[in-house]
C-alpha atoms as a PDB file:
ATOM      1  CA  MET A   1     118.329 101.803 107.676  1.00  0.00           C
ATOM      2  CA  THR A   2     121.786 102.962 108.634  1.00  0.00           C
ATOM      3  CA  HIS A   3     124.659 100.521 108.765  1.00  0.00           C
ATOM      4  CA  ALA A   4     128.376 101.081 108.921  1.00  0.00           C
ATOM      5  CA  GLY A   5     128.801  98.126 106.573  1.00  0.00           C
ATOM      6  CA  PRO A   6     131.356  95.343 106.739  1.00  0.00           C
ATOM      7  CA  ALA A   7     135.006  96.305 106.725  1.00  0.00           C
ATOM      8  CA  PRO A   8     136.822  95.932 103.399  1.00  0.00           C
ATOM      9  CA  ARG A   9     138.790  92.718 103.080  1.00  0.00           C
ATOM     10  CA  ASN A  10     142.044  94.624 103.209  1.00  0.00           C
ATOM     11  CA  GLY A  11     141.020  96.035 106.598  1.00  0.00           C
ATOM     12  CA  ALA A  12     141.170  99.690 105.448  1.00  0.00           C
ATOM     13  CA  PRO A  13     138.497 102.036 106.799  1.00  0.00           C
ATOM     14  CA  HIS A  14     135.749 103.230 104.502  1.00  0.00           C
ATOM     15  CA  ALA A  15     136.596 106.570 102.887  1.00  0.00           C
ATOM     16  CA  SER A  16     132.952 107.276 101.958  1.00  0.00           C
ATOM     17  CA  PRO A  17     129.545 106.500 103.464  1.00  0.00           C
ATOM     18  CA  HIS A  18     128.414 105.502  99.972  1.00  0.00           C
ATOM     19  CA  ALA A  19     128.835 102.070  98.441  1.00  0.00           C
ATOM     20  CA  ILE A  20     128.039 103.463  94.983  1.00  0.00           C
ATOM     21  CA  GLU A  21     128.326 107.012  93.623  1.00  0.00           C
ATOM     22  CA  VAL A  22     127.137 107.614  90.061  1.00  0.00           C
ATOM     23  CA  ARG A  23     127.797 110.943  88.431  1.00  0.00           C
ATOM     24  CA  ASP A  24     126.076 111.941  85.183  1.00  0.00           C
ATOM     25  CA  ILE A  25     126.522 108.612  83.393  1.00  0.00           C
ATOM     26  CA  THR A  26     125.525 108.481  79.754  1.00  0.00           C
ATOM     27  CA  LYS A  27     125.690 105.396  77.556  1.00  0.00           C
ATOM     28  CA  SER A  28     124.959 105.344  73.858  1.00  0.00           C
ATOM     29  CA  PHE A  29     124.802 102.484  71.407  1.00  0.00           C
ATOM     30  CA  GLY A  30     125.191 104.200  68.066  1.00  0.00           C
ATOM     31  CA  SER A  31     122.422 106.783  67.845  1.00  0.00           C
ATOM     32  CA  HIS A  32     120.460 105.206  70.736  1.00  0.00           C
ATOM     33  CA  LEU A  33     120.927 106.803  74.169  1.00  0.00           C
ATOM     34  CA  ALA A  34     120.400 103.976  76.672  1.00  0.00           C
ATOM     35  CA  LEU A  35     121.361 106.113  79.704  1.00  0.00           C
ATOM     36  CA  GLN A  36     120.993 109.874  79.816  1.00  0.00           C
ATOM     37  CA  GLY A  37     122.794 111.748  82.596  1.00  0.00           C
ATOM     38  CA  VAL A  38     122.051 109.298  85.397  1.00  0.00           C
ATOM     39  CA  SER A  39     123.243 110.333  88.890  1.00  0.00           C
ATOM     40  CA  PHE A  40     122.569 108.850  92.330  1.00  0.00           C
ATOM     41  CA  THR A  41     124.263 107.513  95.462  1.00  0.00           C
ATOM     42  CA  ILE A  42     123.680 104.358  97.487  1.00  0.00           C
ATOM     43  CA  ALA A  43     124.470 104.378 101.199  1.00  0.00           C
ATOM     44  CA  ARG A  44     126.461 101.466 102.605  1.00  0.00           C
ATOM     45  CA  GLY A  45     124.298  98.858 104.244  1.00  0.00           C
ATOM     46  CA  SER A  46     121.126  99.949 102.466  1.00  0.00           C
ATOM     47  CA  VAL A  47     118.896  98.244  99.914  1.00  0.00           C
ATOM     48  CA  PHE A  48     118.489 100.393  96.818  1.00  0.00           C
ATOM     49  CA  GLY A  49     116.037  99.409  94.123  1.00  0.00           C
ATOM     50  CA  VAL A  50     115.805 100.626  90.551  1.00  0.00           C
ATOM     51  CA  ILE A  51     112.514  99.965  88.866  1.00  0.00           C
ATOM     52  CA  GLY A  52     111.287 100.585  85.380  1.00  0.00           C
ATOM     53  CA  PRO A  53     109.632  98.938  82.416  1.00  0.00           C
ATOM     54  CA  ASN A  54     111.575  96.638  80.158  1.00  0.00           C
ATOM     55  CA  GLY A  55     113.977  98.686  78.043  1.00  0.00           C
ATOM     56  CA  ALA A  56     114.269 101.497  80.612  1.00  0.00           C
ATOM     57  CA  GLY A  57     118.030 100.982  80.963  1.00  0.00           C
ATOM     58  CA  LYS A  58     118.260  98.983  84.211  1.00  0.00           C
ATOM     59  CA  THR A  59     120.579  96.270  82.884  1.00  0.00           C
ATOM     60  CA  THR A  60     122.750  98.776  81.004  1.00  0.00           C
ATOM     61  CA  LEU A  61     123.151 100.779  84.216  1.00  0.00           C
ATOM     62  CA  MET A  62     124.263  97.749  86.232  1.00  0.00           C
ATOM     63  CA  ARG A  63     126.680  96.563  83.550  1.00  0.00           C
ATOM     64  CA  THR A  64     128.156 100.026  83.359  1.00  0.00           C
ATOM     65  CA  LEU A  65     128.702 100.156  87.121  1.00  0.00           C
ATOM     66  CA  LEU A  66     130.592  96.860  86.957  1.00  0.00           C
ATOM     67  CA  ASP A  67     132.552  97.983  83.872  1.00  0.00           C
ATOM     68  CA  ILE A  68     131.160  95.091  81.850  1.00  0.00           C
ATOM     69  CA  ILE A  69     130.385  97.827  79.367  1.00  0.00           C
ATOM     70  CA  ARG A  70     132.088 101.218  79.390  1.00  0.00           C
ATOM     71  CA  ALA A  71     130.084 104.400  79.907  1.00  0.00           C
ATOM     72  CA  THR A  72     130.134 106.930  77.069  1.00  0.00           C
ATOM     73  CA  SER A  73     130.554 109.725  79.597  1.00  0.00           C
ATOM     74  CA  GLY A  74     130.276 110.334  83.317  1.00  0.00           C
ATOM     75  CA  SER A  75     131.803 108.267  86.119  1.00  0.00           C
ATOM     76  CA  ALA A  76     130.972 105.861  88.916  1.00  0.00           C
ATOM     77  CA  THR A  77     132.672 104.877  92.141  1.00  0.00           C
ATOM     78  CA  VAL A  78     131.994 101.405  93.531  1.00  0.00           C
ATOM     79  CA  LEU A  79     133.169 100.596  97.061  1.00  0.00           C
ATOM     80  CA  GLY A  80     135.544 103.542  96.877  1.00  0.00           C
ATOM     81  CA  THR A  81     137.073 102.519  93.542  1.00  0.00           C
ATOM     82  CA  ASP A  82     136.546 104.034  90.107  1.00  0.00           C
ATOM     83  CA  SER A  83     134.472 101.397  88.328  1.00  0.00           C
ATOM     84  CA  ARG A  84     136.679 101.743  85.234  1.00  0.00           C
ATOM     85  CA  ASN A  85     139.584 100.427  87.290  1.00  0.00           C
ATOM     86  CA  ALA A  86     137.687  97.433  88.621  1.00  0.00           C
ATOM     87  CA  GLY A  87     140.038  94.499  88.998  1.00  0.00           C
ATOM     88  CA  PRO A  88     139.923  91.106  90.727  1.00  0.00           C
ATOM     89  CA  GLU A  89     140.288  92.633  94.196  1.00  0.00           C
ATOM     90  CA  LEU A  90     137.168  94.770  93.759  1.00  0.00           C
ATOM     91  CA  ARG A  91     135.214  92.012  92.041  1.00  0.00           C
ATOM     92  CA  HIS A  92     135.851  89.723  95.034  1.00  0.00           C
ATOM     93  CA  ARG A  93     133.903  92.226  97.148  1.00  0.00           C
ATOM     94  CA  ILE A  94     130.879  92.151  94.824  1.00  0.00           C
ATOM     95  CA  GLY A  95     128.204  89.543  94.214  1.00  0.00           C
ATOM     96  CA  TYR A  96     126.622  89.887  90.779  1.00  0.00           C
ATOM     97  CA  LEU A  97     123.551  88.204  89.343  1.00  0.00           C
ATOM     98  CA  PRO A  98     123.028  89.107  85.661  1.00  0.00           C
ATOM     99  CA  GLY A  99     119.571  89.474  84.255  1.00  0.00           C
ATOM    100  CA  ASP A 100     120.404  87.258  81.287  1.00  0.00           C
ATOM    101  CA  LEU A 101     121.760  84.393  83.364  1.00  0.00           C
ATOM    102  CA  ILE A 102     122.886  81.520  81.125  1.00  0.00           C
ATOM    103  CA  LEU A 103     124.016  78.299  82.821  1.00  0.00           C
ATOM    104  CA  GLU A 104     124.778  75.236  80.778  1.00  0.00           C
ATOM    105  CA  GLY A 105     126.995  72.212  81.155  1.00  0.00           C
ATOM    106  CA  ARG A 106     127.178  68.606  82.133  1.00  0.00           C
ATOM    107  CA  ILE A 107     128.658  69.358  85.550  1.00  0.00           C
ATOM    108  CA  SER A 108     126.560  69.461  88.713  1.00  0.00           C
ATOM    109  CA  GLY A 109     125.420  72.612  90.414  1.00  0.00           C
ATOM    110  CA  ARG A 110     127.800  71.827  93.269  1.00  0.00           C
ATOM    111  CA  ARG A 111     130.830  71.753  90.961  1.00  0.00           C
ATOM    112  CA  LEU A 112     129.712  74.897  89.193  1.00  0.00           C
ATOM    113  CA  LEU A 113     129.418  76.769  92.474  1.00  0.00           C
ATOM    114  CA  ARG A 114     132.861  75.554  93.530  1.00  0.00           C
ATOM    115  CA  HIS A 115     134.183  76.983  90.277  1.00  0.00           C
ATOM    116  CA  TYR A 116     132.516  80.332  91.035  1.00  0.00           C
ATOM    117  CA  ALA A 117     133.941  80.212  94.566  1.00  0.00           C
ATOM    118  CA  ASP A 118     137.450  80.001  93.086  1.00  0.00           C
ATOM    119  CA  ILE A 119     136.687  83.240  91.229  1.00  0.00           C
ATOM    120  CA  SER A 120     134.734  85.159  93.876  1.00  0.00           C
ATOM    121  CA  GLY A 121     136.899  84.358  96.859  1.00  0.00           C
ATOM    122  CA  PRO A 122     136.552  82.360 100.089  1.00  0.00           C
ATOM    123  CA  VAL A 123     133.169  80.841 100.960  1.00  0.00           C
ATOM    124  CA  ARG A 124     132.432  79.733 104.522  1.00  0.00           C
ATOM    125  CA  GLU A 125     132.297  75.977 105.107  1.00  0.00           C
ATOM    126  CA  GLY A 126     128.706  74.780 104.632  1.00  0.00           C
ATOM    127  CA  ARG A 127     127.470  78.101 103.278  1.00  0.00           C
ATOM    128  CA  ILE A 128     126.597  76.720  99.828  1.00  0.00           C
ATOM    129  CA  GLU A 129     124.699  73.787 101.288  1.00  0.00           C
ATOM    130  CA  GLN A 130     122.824  76.096 103.664  1.00  0.00           C
ATOM    131  CA  LEU A 131     121.647  78.304 100.808  1.00  0.00           C
ATOM    132  CA  ALA A 132     120.737  75.290  98.668  1.00  0.00           C
ATOM    133  CA  ASP A 133     118.565  73.942 101.480  1.00  0.00           C
ATOM    134  CA  ARG A 134     116.789  77.274 101.794  1.00  0.00           C
ATOM    135  CA  PHE A 135     116.008  77.316  98.092  1.00  0.00           C
ATOM    136  CA  LYS A 136     115.185  73.612  97.854  1.00  0.00           C
ATOM    137  CA  LEU A 137     117.877  73.043  95.229  1.00  0.00           C
ATOM    138  CA  ASP A 138     119.486  69.700  94.427  1.00  0.00           C
ATOM    139  CA  LEU A 139     123.176  70.549  94.041  1.00  0.00           C
ATOM    140  CA  ASP A 140     124.040  67.199  92.485  1.00  0.00           C
ATOM    141  CA  ALA A 141     121.707  67.515  89.495  1.00  0.00           C
ATOM    142  CA  PRO A 142     123.389  68.343  86.152  1.00  0.00           C
ATOM    143  CA  VAL A 143     123.051  72.039  85.409  1.00  0.00           C
ATOM    144  CA  ARG A 144     121.786  71.447  81.859  1.00  0.00           C
ATOM    145  CA  ARG A 145     118.796  69.490  83.185  1.00  0.00           C
ATOM    146  CA  LEU A 146     117.680  72.196  85.623  1.00  0.00           C
ATOM    147  CA  SER A 147     114.542  74.232  85.018  1.00  0.00           C
ATOM    148  CA  LYS A 148     114.770  78.002  84.534  1.00  0.00           C
ATOM    149  CA  GLY A 149     113.742  78.513  88.156  1.00  0.00           C
ATOM    150  CA  ASN A 150     116.386  76.158  89.503  1.00  0.00           C
ATOM    151  CA  LYS A 151     119.069  77.773  87.340  1.00  0.00           C
ATOM    152  CA  GLN A 152     117.993  81.100  88.804  1.00  0.00           C
ATOM    153  CA  LYS A 153     118.437  79.656  92.291  1.00  0.00           C
ATOM    154  CA  LEU A 154     122.014  78.712  91.345  1.00  0.00           C
ATOM    155  CA  GLY A 155     122.556  82.278  90.224  1.00  0.00           C
ATOM    156  CA  VAL A 156     121.242  83.676  93.495  1.00  0.00           C
ATOM    157  CA  ILE A 157     123.439  81.313  95.520  1.00  0.00           C
ATOM    158  CA  GLN A 158     126.610  82.218  93.595  1.00  0.00           C
ATOM    159  CA  ALA A 159     125.929  85.932  94.200  1.00  0.00           C
ATOM    160  CA  PHE A 160     125.332  85.555  97.951  1.00  0.00           C
ATOM    161  CA  MET A 161     127.613  82.676  98.929  1.00  0.00           C
ATOM    162  CA  HIS A 162     130.822  84.629  99.566  1.00  0.00           C
ATOM    163  CA  GLU A 163     128.954  87.269 101.619  1.00  0.00           C
ATOM    164  CA  PRO A 164     130.204  90.225  99.583  1.00  0.00           C
ATOM    165  CA  GLU A 165     130.106  93.847 100.676  1.00  0.00           C
ATOM    166  CA  LEU A 166     127.975  94.750  97.660  1.00  0.00           C
ATOM    167  CA  LEU A 167     125.314  92.725  95.860  1.00  0.00           C
ATOM    168  CA  VAL A 168     124.279  93.821  92.356  1.00  0.00           C
ATOM    169  CA  LEU A 169     121.186  91.845  91.359  1.00  0.00           C
ATOM    170  CA  ASP A 170     119.465  92.281  88.012  1.00  0.00           C
ATOM    171  CA  GLU A 171     115.856  90.968  88.013  1.00  0.00           C
ATOM    172  CA  PRO A 172     116.864  88.441  90.724  1.00  0.00           C
ATOM    173  CA  THR A 173     113.484  86.706  91.162  1.00  0.00           C
ATOM    174  CA  SER A 174     112.915  85.999  87.470  1.00  0.00           C
ATOM    175  CA  GLY A 175     111.702  82.413  87.196  1.00  0.00           C
ATOM    176  CA  LEU A 176     111.278  81.891  90.958  1.00  0.00           C
ATOM    177  CA  ASP A 177     107.919  80.746  92.294  1.00  0.00           C
ATOM    178  CA  PRO A 178     106.185  82.934  94.955  1.00  0.00           C
ATOM    179  CA  LEU A 179     107.551  80.935  97.922  1.00  0.00           C
ATOM    180  CA  MET A 180     111.111  81.206  96.626  1.00  0.00           C
ATOM    181  CA  GLN A 181     110.599  84.898  95.921  1.00  0.00           C
ATOM    182  CA  GLN A 182     109.783  85.405  99.599  1.00  0.00           C
ATOM    183  CA  GLU A 183     112.827  83.365 100.580  1.00  0.00           C
ATOM    184  CA  PHE A 184     114.938  85.605  98.380  1.00  0.00           C
ATOM    185  CA  LEU A 185     113.495  88.756  99.983  1.00  0.00           C
ATOM    186  CA  SER A 186     114.320  87.317 103.422  1.00  0.00           C
ATOM    187  CA  LEU A 187     117.892  86.754 102.245  1.00  0.00           C
ATOM    188  CA  VAL A 188     118.117  90.369 101.092  1.00  0.00           C
ATOM    189  CA  GLN A 189     116.871  91.576 104.492  1.00  0.00           C
ATOM    190  CA  GLU A 190     119.458  89.441 106.273  1.00  0.00           C
ATOM    191  CA  ALA A 191     122.214  90.789 104.038  1.00  0.00           C
ATOM    192  CA  SER A 192     121.223  94.378 104.821  1.00  0.00           C
ATOM    193  CA  GLU A 193     121.077  93.657 108.556  1.00  0.00           C
ATOM    194  CA  ALA A 194     124.599  92.233 108.282  1.00  0.00           C
ATOM    195  CA  GLY A 195     125.796  95.531 106.771  1.00  0.00           C
ATOM    196  CA  GLN A 196     125.945  94.428 103.150  1.00  0.00           C
ATOM    197  CA  THR A 197     124.723  96.808 100.467  1.00  0.00           C
ATOM    198  CA  VAL A 198     122.153  95.561  97.963  1.00  0.00           C
ATOM    199  CA  PHE A 199     121.457  97.162  94.589  1.00  0.00           C
ATOM    200  CA  LEU A 200     118.659  95.356  92.775  1.00  0.00           C
ATOM    201  CA  SER A 201     116.552  96.004  89.727  1.00  0.00           C
ATOM    202  CA  SER A 202     113.066  94.819  88.969  1.00  0.00           C
ATOM    203  CA  HIS A 203     109.956  95.644  86.999  1.00  0.00           C
ATOM    204  CA  VAL A 204     107.866  94.068  89.809  1.00  0.00           C
ATOM    205  CA  ILE A 205     106.807  96.966  92.006  1.00  0.00           C
ATOM    206  CA  SER A 206     105.642  94.857  94.968  1.00  0.00           C
ATOM    207  CA  GLU A 207     109.072  93.226  95.123  1.00  0.00           C
ATOM    208  CA  ILE A 208     110.869  96.547  95.359  1.00  0.00           C
ATOM    209  CA  GLN A 209     108.302  97.785  97.863  1.00  0.00           C
ATOM    210  CA  GLN A 210     109.068  94.877 100.213  1.00  0.00           C
ATOM    211  CA  ALA A 211     112.834  94.945  99.815  1.00  0.00           C
ATOM    212  CA  ALA A 212     114.136  98.455  99.275  1.00  0.00           C
ATOM    213  CA  ASP A 213     114.893 101.416 101.524  1.00  0.00           C
ATOM    214  CA  GLU A 214     115.102 103.767  98.532  1.00  0.00           C
ATOM    215  CA  VAL A 215     113.785 103.457  95.007  1.00  0.00           C
ATOM    216  CA  ALA A 216     114.914 105.043  91.744  1.00  0.00           C
ATOM    217  CA  ILE A 217     112.339 105.022  88.959  1.00  0.00           C
ATOM    218  CA  LEU A 218     114.042 104.753  85.584  1.00  0.00           C
ATOM    219  CA  ARG A 219     112.322 105.524  82.298  1.00  0.00           C
ATOM    220  CA  ASP A 220     113.877 105.851  78.859  1.00  0.00           C
ATOM    221  CA  GLY A 221     117.373 105.965  80.352  1.00  0.00           C
ATOM    222  CA  ARG A 222     116.573 108.790  82.766  1.00  0.00           C
ATOM    223  CA  ILE A 223     115.791 108.768  86.483  1.00  0.00           C
ATOM    224  CA  VAL A 224     112.305 110.150  86.946  1.00  0.00           C
ATOM    225  CA  THR A 225     112.501 110.298  90.730  1.00  0.00           C
ATOM    226  CA  ILE A 226     114.357 108.894  93.723  1.00  0.00           C
ATOM    227  CA  ALA A 227     112.418 108.416  96.967  1.00  0.00           C
ATOM    228  CA  SER A 228     112.027 106.179  99.964  1.00  0.00           C
ATOM    229  CA  VAL A 229     109.226 103.619  99.840  1.00  0.00           C
ATOM    230  CA  ASN A 230     107.431 105.600 102.564  1.00  0.00           C
ATOM    231  CA  GLU A 231     107.659 108.788 100.486  1.00  0.00           C
ATOM    232  CA  LEU A 232     106.253 107.009  97.467  1.00  0.00           C
ATOM    233  CA  ARG A 233     103.489 105.574  99.624  1.00  0.00           C
ATOM    234  CA  ASN A 234     102.642 109.032 101.014  1.00  0.00           C
ATOM    235  CA  THR A 235     102.198 110.389  97.492  1.00  0.00           C
ATOM    236  CA  ALA A 236     100.520 107.274  96.141  1.00  0.00           C
ATOM    237  CA  ILE A 237      96.952 107.121  94.908  1.00  0.00           C
ATOM    238  CA  ARG A 238      94.105 106.016  97.170  1.00  0.00           C
ATOM    239  CA  HIS A 239      90.625 105.103  95.981  1.00  0.00           C
ATOM    240  CA  VAL A 240      87.754 106.627  97.935  1.00  0.00           C
ATOM    241  CA  ARG A 241      84.093 105.672  98.106  1.00  0.00           C
ATOM    242  CA  MET A 242      81.667 107.440 100.434  1.00  0.00           C
ATOM    243  CA  SER A 243      77.993 108.105 101.012  1.00  0.00           C
ATOM    244  CA  ALA A 244      76.304 110.949 102.847  1.00  0.00           C
ATOM    245  CA  SER A 245      72.733 111.898 103.658  1.00  0.00           C
ATOM    246  CA  GLY A 246      71.171 115.328 103.633  1.00  0.00           C
ATOM    247  CA  VAL A 247      73.304 116.531 100.733  1.00  0.00           C
ATOM    248  CA  GLY A 248      72.830 116.652  96.977  1.00  0.00           C
ATOM    249  CA  ALA A 249      75.203 115.453  94.290  1.00  0.00           C
ATOM    250  CA  ALA A 250      76.138 118.995  93.252  1.00  0.00           C
ATOM    251  CA  GLU A 251      76.891 120.063  96.827  1.00  0.00           C
ATOM    252  CA  LEU A 252      78.959 116.921  97.521  1.00  0.00           C
ATOM    253  CA  THR A 253      80.851 117.476  94.292  1.00  0.00           C
ATOM    254  CA  GLN A 254      81.634 121.048  95.325  1.00  0.00           C
ATOM    255  CA  VAL A 255      82.928 119.955  98.767  1.00  0.00           C
ATOM    256  CA  LEU A 256      85.159 117.189  97.455  1.00  0.00           C
ATOM    257  CA  ALA A 257      86.437 119.021  94.388  1.00  0.00           C
ATOM    258  CA  ALA A 258      87.963 121.648  96.678  1.00  0.00           C
ATOM    259  CA  VAL A 259      90.139 119.059  98.453  1.00  0.00           C
ATOM    260  CA  PRO A 260      93.777 119.000  97.271  1.00  0.00           C
ATOM    261  CA  GLY A 261      94.627 115.743  95.515  1.00  0.00           C
ATOM    262  CA  VAL A 262      91.069 114.650  94.713  1.00  0.00           C
ATOM    263  CA  GLY A 263      90.571 113.440  91.127  1.00  0.00           C
ATOM    264  CA  ASP A 264      88.310 111.285  88.976  1.00  0.00           C
ATOM    265  CA  LEU A 265      85.384 112.545  91.042  1.00  0.00           C
ATOM    266  CA  ALA A 266      81.874 111.249  90.348  1.00  0.00           C
ATOM    267  CA  CYS A 267      78.790 111.898  92.513  1.00  0.00           C
ATOM    268  CA  THR A 268      75.300 110.459  92.235  1.00  0.00           C
ATOM    269  CA  VAL A 269      72.093 110.408  94.323  1.00  0.00           C
ATOM    270  CA  ASP A 270      70.044 107.232  94.664  1.00  0.00           C
ATOM    271  CA  SER A 271      66.317 106.794  95.165  1.00  0.00           C
ATOM    272  CA  ALA A 272      66.712 107.148  98.942  1.00  0.00           C
ATOM    273  CA  ALA A 273      68.269 110.614  98.476  1.00  0.00           C
ATOM    274  CA  LEU A 274      71.653 109.258  99.560  1.00  0.00           C
ATOM    275  CA  ALA A 275      74.550 110.943  97.817  1.00  0.00           C
ATOM    276  CA  THR A 276      77.425 108.650  96.833  1.00  0.00           C
ATOM    277  CA  ALA A 277      80.858 109.712  95.630  1.00  0.00           C
ATOM    278  CA  THR A 278      83.819 107.875  94.155  1.00  0.00           C
ATOM    279  CA  ALA A 279      87.205 109.520  93.677  1.00  0.00           C
ATOM    280  CA  THR A 280      90.938 109.076  93.790  1.00  0.00           C
ATOM    281  CA  LEU A 281      93.054 110.836  96.412  1.00  0.00           C
ATOM    282  CA  SER A 282      96.752 111.555  96.197  1.00  0.00           C
ATOM    283  CA  GLY A 283      98.770 113.193  98.935  1.00  0.00           C
ATOM    284  CA  ALA A 284      97.670 113.863 102.518  1.00  0.00           C
ATOM    285  CA  VAL A 285      94.467 112.351 103.925  1.00  0.00           C
ATOM    286  CA  ARG A 286      93.830 115.028 106.580  1.00  0.00           C
ATOM    287  CA  PRO A 287      92.400 117.712 104.242  1.00  0.00           C
ATOM    288  CA  PHE A 288      89.910 115.161 102.903  1.00  0.00           C
ATOM    289  CA  VAL A 289      88.824 114.140 106.401  1.00  0.00           C
ATOM    290  CA  GLN A 290      88.460 117.775 107.457  1.00  0.00           C
ATOM    291  CA  ALA A 291      86.376 118.551 104.375  1.00  0.00           C
ATOM    292  CA  ILE A 292      83.807 115.828 105.040  1.00  0.00           C
ATOM    293  CA  ALA A 293      83.679 116.324 108.816  1.00  0.00           C
ATOM    294  CA  ALA A 294      80.557 118.501 108.628  1.00  0.00           C
ATOM    295  CA  LEU A 295      78.693 116.033 106.380  1.00  0.00           C
ATOM    296  CA  GLN A 296      76.396 113.273 107.598  1.00  0.00           C
ATOM    297  CA  VAL A 297      78.619 110.455 106.344  1.00  0.00           C
ATOM    298  CA  THR A 298      76.889 107.068 106.297  1.00  0.00           C
ATOM    299  CA  ASP A 299      79.659 105.064 104.653  1.00  0.00           C
ATOM    300  CA  LEU A 300      83.347 105.666 103.934  1.00  0.00           C
ATOM    301  CA  VAL A 301      85.938 103.416 102.323  1.00  0.00           C
ATOM    302  CA  LEU A 302      89.480 104.787 101.984  1.00  0.00           C
ATOM    303  CA  GLU A 303      91.682 102.132 100.414  1.00  0.00           C
ATOM    304  CA  GLU A 304      95.346 101.574 101.149  1.00  0.00           C
ATOM    305  CA  PRO A 305      97.540 103.644  98.811  1.00  0.00           C
ATOM    306  CA  ASP A 306      98.138 101.918  95.510  1.00  0.00           C
ATOM    307  CA  LEU A 307     101.920 102.193  95.097  1.00  0.00           C
ATOM    308  CA  GLU A 308     101.842 100.343  91.798  1.00  0.00           C
ATOM    309  CA  GLU A 309      99.337 102.729  90.275  1.00  0.00           C
ATOM    310  CA  SER A 310     101.420 105.685  91.462  1.00  0.00           C
ATOM    311  CA  VAL A 311     104.633 104.306  89.974  1.00  0.00           C
ATOM    312  CA  LEU A 312     102.960 103.422  86.691  1.00  0.00           C
ATOM    313  CA  THR A 313     101.781 107.040  86.520  1.00  0.00           C
ATOM    314  CA  LEU A 314     105.381 108.175  86.874  1.00  0.00           C
ATOM    315  CA  TYR A 315     106.348 105.782  84.057  1.00  0.00           C
ATOM    316  CA  SER A 316     103.908 107.437  81.692  1.00  0.00           C
ATOM    317  CA  ALA A 317     103.921 111.080  82.854  1.00  0.00           C
ATOM    318  CA  PRO A 318     105.995 113.645  80.922  1.00  0.00           C
ATOM    319  CA  ALA A 319     109.503 114.005  82.360  1.00  0.00           C
ATOM    320  CA  ALA A 320     109.205 117.448  83.834  1.00  0.00           C
ATOM    321  CA  SER A 321     108.825 119.257  87.136  1.00  0.00           C
ATOM    322  CA  GLY A 322     107.712 117.955  90.502  1.00  0.00           C
ATOM    323  CA  VAL A 323     110.117 115.036  90.854  1.00  0.00           C
ATOM    324  CA  VAL A 324     113.091 114.605  93.119  1.00  0.00           C
ATOM    325  CA  PRO A 325     116.176 115.502  91.046  1.00  0.00           C
ATOM    326  CA  ALA A 326     118.504 112.616  90.279  1.00  0.00           C
ATOM    327  CA  GLY A 327     121.365 112.579  92.704  1.00  0.00           C
ATOM    328  CA  ALA A 328     119.615 114.906  95.159  1.00  0.00           C
ATOM    329  CA  ARG A 329     119.353 112.156  97.752  1.00  0.00           C
ATOM    330  CA  SER A 330     122.362 110.751  99.527  1.00  0.00           C
END
């Protein structure tokens, strides 16, 4: 997606096509390195997802960008402003949902959101009620009596209600049921179409797959790769099952083993002399199809690429060559 993005509230033109620019950020807590040389950019009007297992550094990264915690080294620019100089004017242009959302109190959700509106800036008349209706939230219920899911809905509403230029959302669907998760993803899509920039984190791969234009995979405080969802899909793992007649197991193994990207290959021959193969396939499909074209194929199942399996492989693989360098995409 390419969007010019909404104009800043002061009416000044954008100086950069990027909503966020991160340059070699490192954050240490004592001897523990939570972030290690993280660099990337996020285009205005795009949805950028960061995904990684718990403890990968997602929350630390977001807090550092918002100057809730100060980076040990490196720098970040948010909406054209050095994040270390973030003041009320910049914060009014950002909607933030923390991953450790804590909402307590005897006041109603409606009063709490009015309090947040005083902090975040103007909210359109009826906007809060509209969002509450979408998320099936009773605004007049005391906050302390709300379930975890309903408190999360309050958090989502406070982040979106003032229609900020940038949304920073840490594990935003935590506690939401599947229907509300889909409603949230629709809200993200609408925000992007309106020119808002969305930076969200998750450990739920399917959520990022549905929402994001680009994805950064974070592991042990380092970015393993940055790619579009389509690029991840093109390199994802497919599962293959096929049968062919007139060929033995050894010959079928030889044909398939020569195909780039084929792995976990196993071939057998049944009592009817039908050779069956199972395998995984990463990368392009065409070489596989060309390789089996001369065979008498009786059955072929080529599953949709398993993005989750591919990403989990990146989580566990040694950090080395073959990945898109952090910050190489813009």
